Amino acid sequence: MLAFDRRGRAAVALISEEFRTGADAWREIHGFDAAAVYVRHPIQPLGVTELHGRADEIFDEVVAAISR
């Protein structure tokens, strides 16, 4: 993601809500200016149907962020 951002390419970081504070700190330290969309936690133990539901929740936000 950082390489895409530094090349001026459209990028959106998808980050679990649980890690918002750490991710925001990392983004600031590294000058990572790409958009970030935070996904409801947890993600890892979900099945396919539940993952599709999470994707549906953030789809419009991701499209808007990458279109900026």
PDB file of N, CA and C in Angstrom:
ATOM      1  N   MET A   1       0.814  -1.187   0.000  1.00  0.00           N
ATOM      2  CA  MET A   1       0.000   0.000   0.000  1.00  0.00           C
ATOM      3  C   MET A   1       0.857   1.249   0.000  1.00  0.00           C
ATOM      4  N   LEU A   2       1.873   1.250   0.814  1.00  0.00           N
ATOM      5  CA  LEU A   2       2.725   2.433   0.902  1.00  0.00           C
ATOM      6  C   LEU A   2       3.379   2.734  -0.444  1.00  0.00           C
ATOM      7  N   ALA A   3       3.812   1.698  -1.161  1.00  0.00           N
ATOM      8  CA  ALA A   3       4.429   1.882  -2.476  1.00  0.00           C
ATOM      9  C   ALA A   3       3.424   2.477  -3.465  1.00  0.00           C
ATOM     10  N   PHE A   4       2.174   2.010  -3.435  1.00  0.00           N
ATOM     11  CA  PHE A   4       1.146   2.578  -4.306  1.00  0.00           C
ATOM     12  C   PHE A   4       0.935   4.054  -3.982  1.00  0.00           C
ATOM     13  N   ASP A   5       0.829   4.347  -2.701  1.00  0.00           N
ATOM     14  CA  ASP A   5       0.601   5.727  -2.258  1.00  0.00           C
ATOM     15  C   ASP A   5       1.739   6.634  -2.709  1.00  0.00           C
ATOM     16  N   ARG A   6       2.956   6.187  -2.538  1.00  0.00           N
ATOM     17  CA  ARG A   6       4.117   7.011  -2.910  1.00  0.00           C
ATOM     18  C   ARG A   6       4.236   7.216  -4.414  1.00  0.00           C
ATOM     19  N   ARG A   7       3.640   6.330  -5.192  1.00  0.00           N
ATOM     20  CA  ARG A   7       3.645   6.478  -6.654  1.00  0.00           C
ATOM     21  C   ARG A   7       2.444   7.279  -7.146  1.00  0.00           C
ATOM     22  N   GLY A   8       1.599   7.720  -6.211  1.00  0.00           N
ATOM     23  CA  GLY A   8       0.433   8.498  -6.585  1.00  0.00           C
ATOM     24  C   GLY A   8      -0.704   7.669  -7.155  1.00  0.00           C
ATOM     25  N   ARG A   9      -0.685   6.380  -6.897  1.00  0.00           N
ATOM     26  CA  ARG A   9      -1.748   5.494  -7.391  1.00  0.00           C
ATOM     27  C   ARG A   9      -2.890   5.442  -6.370  1.00  0.00           C
ATOM     28  N   ALA A  10      -4.074   5.271  -6.881  1.00  0.00           N
ATOM     29  CA  ALA A  10      -5.233   5.154  -5.999  1.00  0.00           C
ATOM     30  C   ALA A  10      -5.096   3.915  -5.125  1.00  0.00           C
ATOM     31  N   ALA A  11      -5.283   4.084  -3.840  1.00  0.00           N
ATOM     32  CA  ALA A  11      -5.174   2.964  -2.911  1.00  0.00           C
ATOM     33  C   ALA A  11      -6.070   3.220  -1.707  1.00  0.00           C
ATOM     34  N   VAL A  12      -6.594   2.158  -1.162  1.00  0.00           N
ATOM     35  CA  VAL A  12      -7.397   2.238   0.051  1.00  0.00           C
ATOM     36  C   VAL A  12      -6.939   1.116   0.971  1.00  0.00           C
ATOM     37  N   ALA A  13      -6.531   1.467   2.158  1.00  0.00           N
ATOM     38  CA  ALA A  13      -6.152   0.464   3.150  1.00  0.00           C
ATOM     39  C   ALA A  13      -7.413  -0.016   3.858  1.00  0.00           C
ATOM     40  N   LEU A  14      -7.591  -1.317   3.965  1.00  0.00           N
ATOM     41  CA  LEU A  14      -8.706  -1.904   4.712  1.00  0.00           C
ATOM     42  C   LEU A  14      -8.150  -2.437   6.018  1.00  0.00           C
ATOM     43  N   ILE A  15      -8.640  -1.873   7.113  1.00  0.00           N
ATOM     44  CA  ILE A  15      -8.053  -2.155   8.426  1.00  0.00           C
ATOM     45  C   ILE A  15      -9.163  -2.493   9.413  1.00  0.00           C
ATOM     46  N   SER A  16      -8.937  -3.516  10.211  1.00  0.00           N
ATOM     47  CA  SER A  16      -9.897  -3.880  11.239  1.00  0.00           C
ATOM     48  C   SER A  16     -10.001  -2.757  12.271  1.00  0.00           C
ATOM     49  N   GLU A  17     -11.233  -2.449  12.683  1.00  0.00           N
ATOM     50  CA  GLU A  17     -11.474  -1.397  13.692  1.00  0.00           C
ATOM     51  C   GLU A  17     -10.606  -1.579  14.933  1.00  0.00           C
ATOM     52  N   GLU A  18     -10.361  -2.823  15.298  1.00  0.00           N
ATOM     53  CA  GLU A  18      -9.578  -3.130  16.495  1.00  0.00           C
ATOM     54  C   GLU A  18      -8.183  -2.512  16.442  1.00  0.00           C
ATOM     55  N   PHE A  19      -7.667  -2.295  15.246  1.00  0.00           N
ATOM     56  CA  PHE A  19      -6.296  -1.822  15.077  1.00  0.00           C
ATOM     57  C   PHE A  19      -6.217  -0.369  14.607  1.00  0.00           C
ATOM     58  N   ARG A  20      -7.305   0.373  14.738  1.00  0.00           N
ATOM     59  CA  ARG A  20      -7.362   1.759  14.265  1.00  0.00           C
ATOM     60  C   ARG A  20      -6.257   2.628  14.853  1.00  0.00           C
ATOM     61  N   THR A  21      -6.076   2.607  16.148  1.00  0.00           N
ATOM     62  CA  THR A  21      -5.078   3.470  16.794  1.00  0.00           C
ATOM     63  C   THR A  21      -3.677   3.182  16.275  1.00  0.00           C
ATOM     64  N   GLY A  22      -3.302   1.911  16.244  1.00  0.00           N
ATOM     65  CA  GLY A  22      -1.976   1.535  15.754  1.00  0.00           C
ATOM     66  C   GLY A  22      -1.801   1.846  14.285  1.00  0.00           C
ATOM     67  N   ALA A  23      -2.820   1.581  13.489  1.00  0.00           N
ATOM     68  CA  ALA A  23      -2.732   1.853  12.048  1.00  0.00           C
ATOM     69  C   ALA A  23      -2.620   3.350  11.782  1.00  0.00           C
ATOM     70  N   ASP A  24      -3.389   4.143  12.495  1.00  0.00           N
ATOM     71  CA  ASP A  24      -3.312   5.599  12.312  1.00  0.00           C
ATOM     72  C   ASP A  24      -1.934   6.128  12.705  1.00  0.00           C
ATOM     73  N   ALA A  25      -1.366   5.595  13.771  1.00  0.00           N
ATOM     74  CA  ALA A  25      -0.020   6.009  14.192  1.00  0.00           C
ATOM     75  C   ALA A  25       1.005   5.622  13.134  1.00  0.00           C
ATOM     76  N   TRP A  26       0.911   4.393  12.609  1.00  0.00           N
ATOM     77  CA  TRP A  26       1.831   3.937  11.574  1.00  0.00           C
ATOM     78  C   TRP A  26       1.712   4.820  10.333  1.00  0.00           C
ATOM     79  N   ARG A  27       0.466   5.129   9.941  1.00  0.00           N
ATOM     80  CA  ARG A  27       0.243   5.960   8.764  1.00  0.00           C
ATOM     81  C   ARG A  27       0.892   7.336   8.949  1.00  0.00           C
ATOM     82  N   GLU A  28       0.773   7.904  10.136  1.00  0.00           N
ATOM     83  CA  GLU A  28       1.362   9.222  10.384  1.00  0.00           C
ATOM     84  C   GLU A  28       2.890   9.164  10.368  1.00  0.00           C
ATOM     85  N   ILE A  29       3.467   8.167  11.010  1.00  0.00           N
ATOM     86  CA  ILE A  29       4.929   8.013  11.062  1.00  0.00           C
ATOM     87  C   ILE A  29       5.515   7.867   9.660  1.00  0.00           C
ATOM     88  N   HIS A  30       4.834   7.104   8.802  1.00  0.00           N
ATOM     89  CA  HIS A  30       5.356   6.817   7.463  1.00  0.00           C
ATOM     90  C   HIS A  30       4.860   7.783   6.391  1.00  0.00           C
ATOM     91  N   GLY A  31       4.044   8.744   6.784  1.00  0.00           N
ATOM     92  CA  GLY A  31       3.527   9.690   5.810  1.00  0.00           C
ATOM     93  C   GLY A  31       2.595   9.042   4.810  1.00  0.00           C
ATOM     94  N   PHE A  32       1.902   8.001   5.240  1.00  0.00           N
ATOM     95  CA  PHE A  32       0.985   7.261   4.378  1.00  0.00           C
ATOM     96  C   PHE A  32      -0.314   8.043   4.289  1.00  0.00           C
ATOM     97  N   ASP A  33      -0.550   8.624   3.105  1.00  0.00           N
ATOM     98  CA  ASP A  33      -1.664   9.545   2.960  1.00  0.00           C
ATOM     99  C   ASP A  33      -2.865   8.941   2.244  1.00  0.00           C
ATOM    100  N   ALA A  34      -2.801   7.675   1.883  1.00  0.00           N
ATOM    101  CA  ALA A  34      -3.925   7.040   1.190  1.00  0.00           C
ATOM    102  C   ALA A  34      -5.112   6.902   2.135  1.00  0.00           C
ATOM    103  N   ALA A  35      -6.267   6.745   1.551  1.00  0.00           N
ATOM    104  CA  ALA A  35      -7.480   6.572   2.348  1.00  0.00           C
ATOM    105  C   ALA A  35      -7.424   5.260   3.126  1.00  0.00           C
ATOM    106  N   ALA A  36      -8.126   5.243   4.226  1.00  0.00           N
ATOM    107  CA  ALA A  36      -8.260   4.020   5.017  1.00  0.00           C
ATOM    108  C   ALA A  36      -9.735   3.809   5.321  1.00  0.00           C
ATOM    109  N   VAL A  37     -10.173   2.586   5.184  1.00  0.00           N
ATOM    110  CA  VAL A  37     -11.533   2.218   5.545  1.00  0.00           C
ATOM    111  C   VAL A  37     -11.411   1.179   6.652  1.00  0.00           C
ATOM    112  N   TYR A  38     -12.133   1.423   7.728  1.00  0.00           N
ATOM    113  CA  TYR A  38     -12.057   0.531   8.878  1.00  0.00           C
ATOM    114  C   TYR A  38     -13.234  -0.440   8.859  1.00  0.00           C
ATOM    115  N   VAL A  39     -12.906  -1.722   9.007  1.00  0.00           N
ATOM    116  CA  VAL A  39     -13.867  -2.813   8.926  1.00  0.00           C
ATOM    117  C   VAL A  39     -14.203  -3.299  10.328  1.00  0.00           C
ATOM    118  N   ARG A  40     -15.466  -3.584  10.550  1.00  0.00           N
ATOM    119  CA  ARG A  40     -15.904  -4.085  11.858  1.00  0.00           C
ATOM    120  C   ARG A  40     -15.118  -5.344  12.233  1.00  0.00           C
ATOM    121  N   HIS A  41     -14.676  -5.409  13.478  1.00  0.00           N
ATOM    122  CA  HIS A  41     -13.856  -6.492  14.010  1.00  0.00           C
ATOM    123  C   HIS A  41     -14.764  -7.533  14.667  1.00  0.00           C
ATOM    124  N   PRO A  42     -14.434  -8.802  14.667  1.00  0.00           N
ATOM    125  CA  PRO A  42     -13.288  -9.476  14.075  1.00  0.00           C
ATOM    126  C   PRO A  42     -13.560  -9.851  12.617  1.00  0.00           C
ATOM    127  N   ILE A  43     -12.500 -10.203  11.914  1.00  0.00           N
ATOM    128  CA  ILE A  43     -12.608 -10.605  10.520  1.00  0.00           C
ATOM    129  C   ILE A  43     -12.166 -12.059  10.343  1.00  0.00           C
ATOM    130  N   GLN A  44     -11.046 -12.404  10.921  1.00  0.00           N
ATOM    131  CA  GLN A  44     -10.395 -13.693  10.682  1.00  0.00           C
ATOM    132  C   GLN A  44     -11.284 -14.914  10.905  1.00  0.00           C
ATOM    133  N   PRO A  45     -12.106 -14.991  11.952  1.00  0.00           N
ATOM    134  CA  PRO A  45     -12.861 -16.232  12.160  1.00  0.00           C
ATOM    135  C   PRO A  45     -14.160 -16.335  11.348  1.00  0.00           C
ATOM    136  N   LEU A  46     -14.442 -15.369  10.498  1.00  0.00           N
ATOM    137  CA  LEU A  46     -15.717 -15.356   9.784  1.00  0.00           C
ATOM    138  C   LEU A  46     -15.756 -16.333   8.624  1.00  0.00           C
ATOM    139  N   GLY A  47     -16.952 -16.819   8.348  1.00  0.00           N
ATOM    140  CA  GLY A  47     -17.169 -17.665   7.179  1.00  0.00           C
ATOM    141  C   GLY A  47     -17.410 -16.793   5.953  1.00  0.00           C
ATOM    142  N   VAL A  48     -17.551 -17.429   4.808  1.00  0.00           N
ATOM    143  CA  VAL A  48     -17.696 -16.714   3.539  1.00  0.00           C
ATOM    144  C   VAL A  48     -18.910 -15.784   3.552  1.00  0.00           C
ATOM    145  N   THR A  49     -20.044 -16.254   4.011  1.00  0.00           N
ATOM    146  CA  THR A  49     -21.256 -15.435   4.028  1.00  0.00           C
ATOM    147  C   THR A  49     -21.066 -14.209   4.917  1.00  0.00           C
ATOM    148  N   GLU A  50     -20.458 -14.407   6.073  1.00  0.00           N
ATOM    149  CA  GLU A  50     -20.220 -13.284   6.983  1.00  0.00           C
ATOM    150  C   GLU A  50     -19.214 -12.303   6.394  1.00  0.00           C
ATOM    151  N   LEU A  51     -18.188 -12.815   5.724  1.00  0.00           N
ATOM    152  CA  LEU A  51     -17.213 -11.934   5.074  1.00  0.00           C
ATOM    153  C   LEU A  51     -17.868 -11.101   3.982  1.00  0.00           C
ATOM    154  N   HIS A  52     -18.749 -11.718   3.215  1.00  0.00           N
ATOM    155  CA  HIS A  52     -19.469 -10.971   2.186  1.00  0.00           C
ATOM    156  C   HIS A  52     -20.313  -9.864   2.826  1.00  0.00           C
ATOM    157  N   GLY A  53     -20.893 -10.156   3.974  1.00  0.00           N
ATOM    158  CA  GLY A  53     -21.664  -9.145   4.699  1.00  0.00           C
ATOM    159  C   GLY A  53     -20.797  -7.967   5.116  1.00  0.00           C
ATOM    160  N   ARG A  54     -19.595  -8.254   5.621  1.00  0.00           N
ATOM    161  CA  ARG A  54     -18.667  -7.173   6.008  1.00  0.00           C
ATOM    162  C   ARG A  54     -18.272  -6.355   4.785  1.00  0.00           C
ATOM    163  N   ALA A  55     -18.025  -7.043   3.671  1.00  0.00           N
ATOM    164  CA  ALA A  55     -17.660  -6.335   2.436  1.00  0.00           C
ATOM    165  C   ALA A  55     -18.809  -5.442   1.985  1.00  0.00           C
ATOM    166  N   ASP A  56     -20.026  -5.947   2.082  1.00  0.00           N
ATOM    167  CA  ASP A  56     -21.188  -5.136   1.705  1.00  0.00           C
ATOM    168  C   ASP A  56     -21.293  -3.880   2.577  1.00  0.00           C
ATOM    169  N   GLU A  57     -20.949  -4.015   3.855  1.00  0.00           N
ATOM    170  CA  GLU A  57     -21.033  -2.880   4.789  1.00  0.00           C
ATOM    171  C   GLU A  57     -20.126  -1.722   4.370  1.00  0.00           C
ATOM    172  N   ILE A  58     -18.963  -2.038   3.797  1.00  0.00           N
ATOM    173  CA  ILE A  58     -17.983  -0.983   3.495  1.00  0.00           C
ATOM    174  C   ILE A  58     -17.827  -0.685   2.015  1.00  0.00           C
ATOM    175  N   PHE A  59     -18.554  -1.408   1.163  1.00  0.00           N
ATOM    176  CA  PHE A  59     -18.358  -1.290  -0.278  1.00  0.00           C
ATOM    177  C   PHE A  59     -18.448   0.158  -0.769  1.00  0.00           C
ATOM    178  N   ASP A  60     -19.515   0.852  -0.436  1.00  0.00           N
ATOM    179  CA  ASP A  60     -19.685   2.235  -0.913  1.00  0.00           C
ATOM    180  C   ASP A  60     -18.567   3.144  -0.411  1.00  0.00           C
ATOM    181  N   GLU A  61     -18.133   2.933   0.818  1.00  0.00           N
ATOM    182  CA  GLU A  61     -17.050   3.743   1.389  1.00  0.00           C
ATOM    183  C   GLU A  61     -15.726   3.493   0.655  1.00  0.00           C
ATOM    184  N   VAL A  62     -15.458   2.239   0.299  1.00  0.00           N
ATOM    185  CA  VAL A  62     -14.244   1.897  -0.441  1.00  0.00           C
ATOM    186  C   VAL A  62     -14.277   2.533  -1.838  1.00  0.00           C
ATOM    187  N   VAL A  63     -15.399   2.395  -2.516  1.00  0.00           N
ATOM    188  CA  VAL A  63     -15.529   2.982  -3.861  1.00  0.00           C
ATOM    189  C   VAL A  63     -15.338   4.498  -3.806  1.00  0.00           C
ATOM    190  N   ALA A  64     -15.955   5.141  -2.827  1.00  0.00           N
ATOM    191  CA  ALA A  64     -15.821   6.596  -2.682  1.00  0.00           C
ATOM    192  C   ALA A  64     -14.367   6.981  -2.400  1.00  0.00           C
ATOM    193  N   ALA A  65     -13.703   6.229  -1.545  1.00  0.00           N
ATOM    194  CA  ALA A  65     -12.321   6.544  -1.167  1.00  0.00           C
ATOM    195  C   ALA A  65     -11.363   6.371  -2.339  1.00  0.00           C
ATOM    196  N   ILE A  66     -11.550   5.338  -3.126  1.00  0.00           N
ATOM    197  CA  ILE A  66     -10.627   5.088  -4.224  1.00  0.00           C
ATOM    198  C   ILE A  66     -10.919   6.012  -5.420  1.00  0.00           C
ATOM    199  N   SER A  67     -12.107   6.594  -5.426  1.00  0.00           N
ATOM    200  CA  SER A  67     -12.493   7.497  -6.526  1.00  0.00           C
ATOM    201  C   SER A  67     -12.070   8.944  -6.273  1.00  0.00           C
ATOM    202  N   ARG A  68     -11.597   9.246  -5.086  1.00  0.00           N
ATOM    203  CA  ARG A  68     -11.215  10.629  -4.759  1.00  0.00           C
ATOM    204  C   ARG A  68      -9.995  11.065  -5.534  1.00  0.00           C
TER     205      ARG A  68
END
